[in-house]
Amino acid sequence: MKQSSYLVREAMKLIFHFAAIAWHDKTMQGKAGQESDMLCHAVKVVSDTLDEMSKAERDM
């Protein structure tokens, strides 16, 4: 269980990292709009999921 949660956490970090790069590129081109709202939502989802996973691991 711990190994799978570790893999999920690492995958989420990679997804977030690439999303942030894409958002930064759009911002530099002056095209960020809906993408920035989507990125903010993605950050919240990833953060909440990582918090829940950490809490679940502590409770084990």
PDB file of N, CA and C in Angstrom:
ATOM      1  N   MET A   1       0.825  -1.198   0.000  1.00  0.00           N
ATOM      2  CA  MET A   1       0.000   0.000   0.000  1.00  0.00           C
ATOM      3  C   MET A   1       0.867   1.260   0.000  1.00  0.00           C
ATOM      4  N   LYS A   2       1.902   1.269   0.833  1.00  0.00           N
ATOM      5  CA  LYS A   2       2.741   2.465   0.904  1.00  0.00           C
ATOM      6  C   LYS A   2       3.453   2.723  -0.415  1.00  0.00           C
ATOM      7  N   GLN A   3       3.889   1.632  -1.084  1.00  0.00           N
ATOM      8  CA  GLN A   3       4.590   1.821  -2.348  1.00  0.00           C
ATOM      9  C   GLN A   3       3.656   2.407  -3.403  1.00  0.00           C
ATOM     10  N   SER A   4       2.420   1.925  -3.463  1.00  0.00           N
ATOM     11  CA  SER A   4       1.493   2.450  -4.469  1.00  0.00           C
ATOM     12  C   SER A   4       1.148   3.909  -4.173  1.00  0.00           C
ATOM     13  N   SER A   5       0.993   4.271  -2.904  1.00  0.00           N
ATOM     14  CA  SER A   5       0.695   5.670  -2.592  1.00  0.00           C
ATOM     15  C   SER A   5       1.899   6.555  -2.923  1.00  0.00           C
ATOM     16  N   TYR A   6       3.097   6.028  -2.740  1.00  0.00           N
ATOM     17  CA  TYR A   6       4.298   6.774  -3.115  1.00  0.00           C
ATOM     18  C   TYR A   6       4.319   7.024  -4.625  1.00  0.00           C
ATOM     19  N   LEU A   7       3.998   5.992  -5.402  1.00  0.00           N
ATOM     20  CA  LEU A   7       3.990   6.137  -6.857  1.00  0.00           C
ATOM     21  C   LEU A   7       2.931   7.137  -7.311  1.00  0.00           C
ATOM     22  N   VAL A   8       1.762   7.089  -6.689  1.00  0.00           N
ATOM     23  CA  VAL A   8       0.704   8.042  -7.026  1.00  0.00           C
ATOM     24  C   VAL A   8       1.165   9.457  -6.704  1.00  0.00           C
ATOM     25  N   ARG A   9       1.774   9.633  -5.557  1.00  0.00           N
ATOM     26  CA  ARG A   9       2.249  10.956  -5.148  1.00  0.00           C
ATOM     27  C   ARG A   9       3.303  11.483  -6.130  1.00  0.00           C
ATOM     28  N   GLU A  10       4.233  10.629  -6.526  1.00  0.00           N
ATOM     29  CA  GLU A  10       5.271  11.054  -7.468  1.00  0.00           C
ATOM     30  C   GLU A  10       4.679  11.377  -8.837  1.00  0.00           C
ATOM     31  N   ALA A  11       3.705  10.595  -9.280  1.00  0.00           N
ATOM     32  CA  ALA A  11       3.049  10.866 -10.563  1.00  0.00           C
ATOM     33  C   ALA A  11       2.320  12.205 -10.513  1.00  0.00           C
ATOM     34  N   MET A  12       1.673  12.488  -9.396  1.00  0.00           N
ATOM     35  CA  MET A  12       0.956  13.757  -9.258  1.00  0.00           C
ATOM     36  C   MET A  12       1.931  14.929  -9.268  1.00  0.00           C
ATOM     37  N   LYS A  13       3.093  14.754  -8.661  1.00  0.00           N
ATOM     38  CA  LYS A  13       4.100  15.817  -8.680  1.00  0.00           C
ATOM     39  C   LYS A  13       4.556  16.099 -10.110  1.00  0.00           C
ATOM     40  N   LEU A  14       4.762  15.026 -10.890  1.00  0.00           N
ATOM     41  CA  LEU A  14       5.181  15.209 -12.277  1.00  0.00           C
ATOM     42  C   LEU A  14       4.112  15.919 -13.094  1.00  0.00           C
ATOM     43  N   ILE A  15       2.857  15.505 -12.928  1.00  0.00           N
ATOM     44  CA  ILE A  15       1.752  16.140 -13.650  1.00  0.00           C
ATOM     45  C   ILE A  15       1.687  17.620 -13.301  1.00  0.00           C
ATOM     46  N   PHE A  16       1.789  17.923 -12.019  1.00  0.00           N
ATOM     47  CA  PHE A  16       1.742  19.317 -11.581  1.00  0.00           C
ATOM     48  C   PHE A  16       2.909  20.110 -12.170  1.00  0.00           C
ATOM     49  N   HIS A  17       4.087  19.513 -12.166  1.00  0.00           N
ATOM     50  CA  HIS A  17       5.279  20.180 -12.685  1.00  0.00           C
ATOM     51  C   HIS A  17       5.099  20.553 -14.157  1.00  0.00           C
ATOM     52  N   PHE A  18       4.635  19.603 -14.964  1.00  0.00           N
ATOM     53  CA  PHE A  18       4.460  19.879 -16.388  1.00  0.00           C
ATOM     54  C   PHE A  18       3.313  20.852 -16.640  1.00  0.00           C
ATOM     55  N   ALA A  19       2.274  20.791 -15.825  1.00  0.00           N
ATOM     56  CA  ALA A  19       1.171  21.755 -15.957  1.00  0.00           C
ATOM     57  C   ALA A  19       1.671  23.165 -15.652  1.00  0.00           C
ATOM     58  N   ALA A  20       2.517  23.288 -14.646  1.00  0.00           N
ATOM     59  CA  ALA A  20       3.064  24.600 -14.287  1.00  0.00           C
ATOM     60  C   ALA A  20       3.947  25.147 -15.407  1.00  0.00           C
ATOM     61  N   ILE A  21       4.726  24.283 -16.036  1.00  0.00           N
ATOM     62  CA  ILE A  21       5.567  24.718 -17.160  1.00  0.00           C
ATOM     63  C   ILE A  21       4.694  25.201 -18.315  1.00  0.00           C
ATOM     64  N   ALA A  22       3.657  24.437 -18.640  1.00  0.00           N
ATOM     65  CA  ALA A  22       2.760  24.817 -19.737  1.00  0.00           C
ATOM     66  C   ALA A  22       2.070  26.143 -19.433  1.00  0.00           C
ATOM     67  N   TRP A  23       1.635  26.318 -18.195  1.00  0.00           N
ATOM     68  CA  TRP A  23       0.971  27.563 -17.802  1.00  0.00           C
ATOM     69  C   TRP A  23       1.932  28.740 -17.910  1.00  0.00           C
ATOM     70  N   HIS A  24       3.180  28.533 -17.472  1.00  0.00           N
ATOM     71  CA  HIS A  24       4.188  29.591 -17.539  1.00  0.00           C
ATOM     72  C   HIS A  24       4.436  29.997 -18.995  1.00  0.00           C
ATOM     73  N   ASP A  25       4.531  29.018 -19.895  1.00  0.00           N
ATOM     74  CA  ASP A  25       4.733  29.318 -21.314  1.00  0.00           C
ATOM     75  C   ASP A  25       3.574  30.139 -21.869  1.00  0.00           C
ATOM     76  N   LYS A  26       2.346  29.765 -21.520  1.00  0.00           N
ATOM     77  CA  LYS A  26       1.169  30.506 -21.997  1.00  0.00           C
ATOM     78  C   LYS A  26       1.179  31.932 -21.439  1.00  0.00           C
ATOM     79  N   THR A  27       1.566  32.078 -20.178  1.00  0.00           N
ATOM     80  CA  THR A  27       1.599  33.399 -19.554  1.00  0.00           C
ATOM     81  C   THR A  27       2.618  34.295 -20.251  1.00  0.00           C
ATOM     82  N   MET A  28       3.767  33.737 -20.577  1.00  0.00           N
ATOM     83  CA  MET A  28       4.799  34.516 -21.252  1.00  0.00           C
ATOM     84  C   MET A  28       4.330  34.961 -22.637  1.00  0.00           C
ATOM     85  N   GLN A  29       3.437  34.188 -23.249  1.00  0.00           N
ATOM     86  CA  GLN A  29       2.910  34.539 -24.570  1.00  0.00           C
ATOM     87  C   GLN A  29       1.668  35.419 -24.458  1.00  0.00           C
ATOM     88  N   GLY A  30       1.216  35.688 -23.243  1.00  0.00           N
ATOM     89  CA  GLY A  30       0.045  36.526 -23.036  1.00  0.00           C
ATOM     90  C   GLY A  30      -1.264  35.826 -23.348  1.00  0.00           C
ATOM     91  N   LYS A  31      -1.265  34.497 -23.301  1.00  0.00           N
ATOM     92  CA  LYS A  31      -2.459  33.740 -23.674  1.00  0.00           C
ATOM     93  C   LYS A  31      -3.117  33.046 -22.485  1.00  0.00           C
ATOM     94  N   ALA A  32      -2.657  33.333 -21.288  1.00  0.00           N
ATOM     95  CA  ALA A  32      -3.220  32.660 -20.108  1.00  0.00           C
ATOM     96  C   ALA A  32      -4.573  33.278 -19.785  1.00  0.00           C
ATOM     97  N   GLY A  33      -5.533  32.470 -19.604  1.00  0.00           N
ATOM     98  CA  GLY A  33      -6.877  32.929 -19.249  1.00  0.00           C
ATOM     99  C   GLY A  33      -7.553  31.810 -18.499  1.00  0.00           C
ATOM    100  N   GLN A  34      -8.281  31.004 -19.247  1.00  0.00           N
ATOM    101  CA  GLN A  34      -8.953  29.859 -18.649  1.00  0.00           C
ATOM    102  C   GLN A  34      -7.928  28.861 -18.101  1.00  0.00           C
ATOM    103  N   GLU A  35      -6.761  28.797 -18.737  1.00  0.00           N
ATOM    104  CA  GLU A  35      -5.735  27.863 -18.280  1.00  0.00           C
ATOM    105  C   GLU A  35      -5.305  28.158 -16.846  1.00  0.00           C
ATOM    106  N   SER A  36      -5.217  29.442 -16.487  1.00  0.00           N
ATOM    107  CA  SER A  36      -4.785  29.768 -15.128  1.00  0.00           C
ATOM    108  C   SER A  36      -5.829  29.331 -14.108  1.00  0.00           C
ATOM    109  N   ASP A  37      -7.113  29.450 -14.454  1.00  0.00           N
ATOM    110  CA  ASP A  37      -8.160  28.955 -13.560  1.00  0.00           C
ATOM    111  C   ASP A  37      -8.071  27.445 -13.414  1.00  0.00           C
ATOM    112  N   MET A  38      -7.804  26.766 -14.530  1.00  0.00           N
ATOM    113  CA  MET A  38      -7.696  25.310 -14.493  1.00  0.00           C
ATOM    114  C   MET A  38      -6.489  24.890 -13.661  1.00  0.00           C
ATOM    115  N   LEU A  39      -5.382  25.631 -13.792  1.00  0.00           N
ATOM    116  CA  LEU A  39      -4.184  25.297 -13.024  1.00  0.00           C
ATOM    117  C   LEU A  39      -4.429  25.495 -11.534  1.00  0.00           C
ATOM    118  N   CYS A  40      -5.105  26.576 -11.165  1.00  0.00           N
ATOM    119  CA  CYS A  40      -5.426  26.810  -9.753  1.00  0.00           C
ATOM    120  C   CYS A  40      -6.270  25.669  -9.200  1.00  0.00           C
ATOM    121  N   HIS A  41      -7.239  25.214  -9.991  1.00  0.00           N
ATOM    122  CA  HIS A  41      -8.075  24.092  -9.562  1.00  0.00           C
ATOM    123  C   HIS A  41      -7.230  22.821  -9.438  1.00  0.00           C
ATOM    124  N   ALA A  42      -6.334  22.593 -10.400  1.00  0.00           N
ATOM    125  CA  ALA A  42      -5.474  21.408 -10.356  1.00  0.00           C
ATOM    126  C   ALA A  42      -4.568  21.433  -9.129  1.00  0.00           C
ATOM    127  N   VAL A  43      -4.034  22.600  -8.803  1.00  0.00           N
ATOM    128  CA  VAL A  43      -3.183  22.732  -7.616  1.00  0.00           C
ATOM    129  C   VAL A  43      -3.962  22.358  -6.364  1.00  0.00           C
ATOM    130  N   LYS A  44      -5.196  22.826  -6.259  1.00  0.00           N
ATOM    131  CA  LYS A  44      -6.018  22.515  -5.091  1.00  0.00           C
ATOM    132  C   LYS A  44      -6.313  21.022  -5.008  1.00  0.00           C
ATOM    133  N   VAL A  45      -6.657  20.409  -6.137  1.00  0.00           N
ATOM    134  CA  VAL A  45      -6.961  18.974  -6.152  1.00  0.00           C
ATOM    135  C   VAL A  45      -5.733  18.163  -5.754  1.00  0.00           C
ATOM    136  N   VAL A  46      -4.577  18.491  -6.342  1.00  0.00           N
ATOM    137  CA  VAL A  46      -3.346  17.766  -6.017  1.00  0.00           C
ATOM    138  C   VAL A  46      -2.995  17.957  -4.549  1.00  0.00           C
ATOM    139  N   SER A  47      -3.075  19.179  -4.068  1.00  0.00           N
ATOM    140  CA  SER A  47      -2.758  19.468  -2.672  1.00  0.00           C
ATOM    141  C   SER A  47      -3.679  18.711  -1.719  1.00  0.00           C
ATOM    142  N   ASP A  48      -4.981  18.748  -2.002  1.00  0.00           N
ATOM    143  CA  ASP A  48      -5.941  18.039  -1.148  1.00  0.00           C
ATOM    144  C   ASP A  48      -5.691  16.537  -1.162  1.00  0.00           C
ATOM    145  N   THR A  49      -5.398  15.992  -2.347  1.00  0.00           N
ATOM    146  CA  THR A  49      -5.153  14.554  -2.458  1.00  0.00           C
ATOM    147  C   THR A  49      -3.898  14.158  -1.699  1.00  0.00           C
ATOM    148  N   LEU A  50      -2.837  14.943  -1.837  1.00  0.00           N
ATOM    149  CA  LEU A  50      -1.598  14.639  -1.116  1.00  0.00           C
ATOM    150  C   LEU A  50      -1.806  14.735   0.395  1.00  0.00           C
ATOM    151  N   ASP A  51      -2.586  15.714   0.841  1.00  0.00           N
ATOM    152  CA  ASP A  51      -2.890  15.832   2.267  1.00  0.00           C
ATOM    153  C   ASP A  51      -3.649  14.611   2.765  1.00  0.00           C
ATOM    154  N   GLU A  52      -4.639  14.161   1.985  1.00  0.00           N
ATOM    155  CA  GLU A  52      -5.418  12.985   2.376  1.00  0.00           C
ATOM    156  C   GLU A  52      -4.547  11.740   2.420  1.00  0.00           C
ATOM    157  N   MET A  53      -3.640  11.606   1.436  1.00  0.00           N
ATOM    158  CA  MET A  53      -2.755  10.441   1.420  1.00  0.00           C
ATOM    159  C   MET A  53      -1.819  10.461   2.621  1.00  0.00           C
ATOM    160  N   SER A  54      -1.282  11.620   2.956  1.00  0.00           N
ATOM    161  CA  SER A  54      -0.390  11.728   4.109  1.00  0.00           C
ATOM    162  C   SER A  54      -1.131  11.387   5.396  1.00  0.00           C
ATOM    163  N   LYS A  55      -2.349  11.883   5.519  1.00  0.00           N
ATOM    164  CA  LYS A  55      -3.157  11.601   6.707  1.00  0.00           C
ATOM    165  C   LYS A  55      -3.459  10.108   6.802  1.00  0.00           C
ATOM    166  N   ALA A  56      -3.799   9.483   5.675  1.00  0.00           N
ATOM    167  CA  ALA A  56      -4.109   8.049   5.666  1.00  0.00           C
ATOM    168  C   ALA A  56      -2.882   7.233   6.063  1.00  0.00           C
ATOM    169  N   GLU A  57      -1.697   7.645   5.600  1.00  0.00           N
ATOM    170  CA  GLU A  57      -0.476   6.925   5.958  1.00  0.00           C
ATOM    171  C   GLU A  57      -0.163   7.078   7.443  1.00  0.00           C
ATOM    172  N   ARG A  58      -0.421   8.257   8.006  1.00  0.00           N
ATOM    173  CA  ARG A  58      -0.179   8.458   9.442  1.00  0.00           C
ATOM    174  C   ARG A  58      -1.133   7.609  10.275  1.00  0.00           C
ATOM    175  N   ASP A  59      -2.363   7.469   9.793  1.00  0.00           N
ATOM    176  CA  ASP A  59      -3.367   6.709  10.540  1.00  0.00           C
ATOM    177  C   ASP A  59      -3.121   5.209  10.500  1.00  0.00           C
ATOM    178  N   MET A  60      -2.289   4.746   9.556  1.00  0.00           N
ATOM    179  CA  MET A  60      -2.048   3.302   9.421  1.00  0.00           C
ATOM    180  C   MET A  60      -1.177   2.780  10.530  1.00  0.00           C
TER     181      MET A  60
END
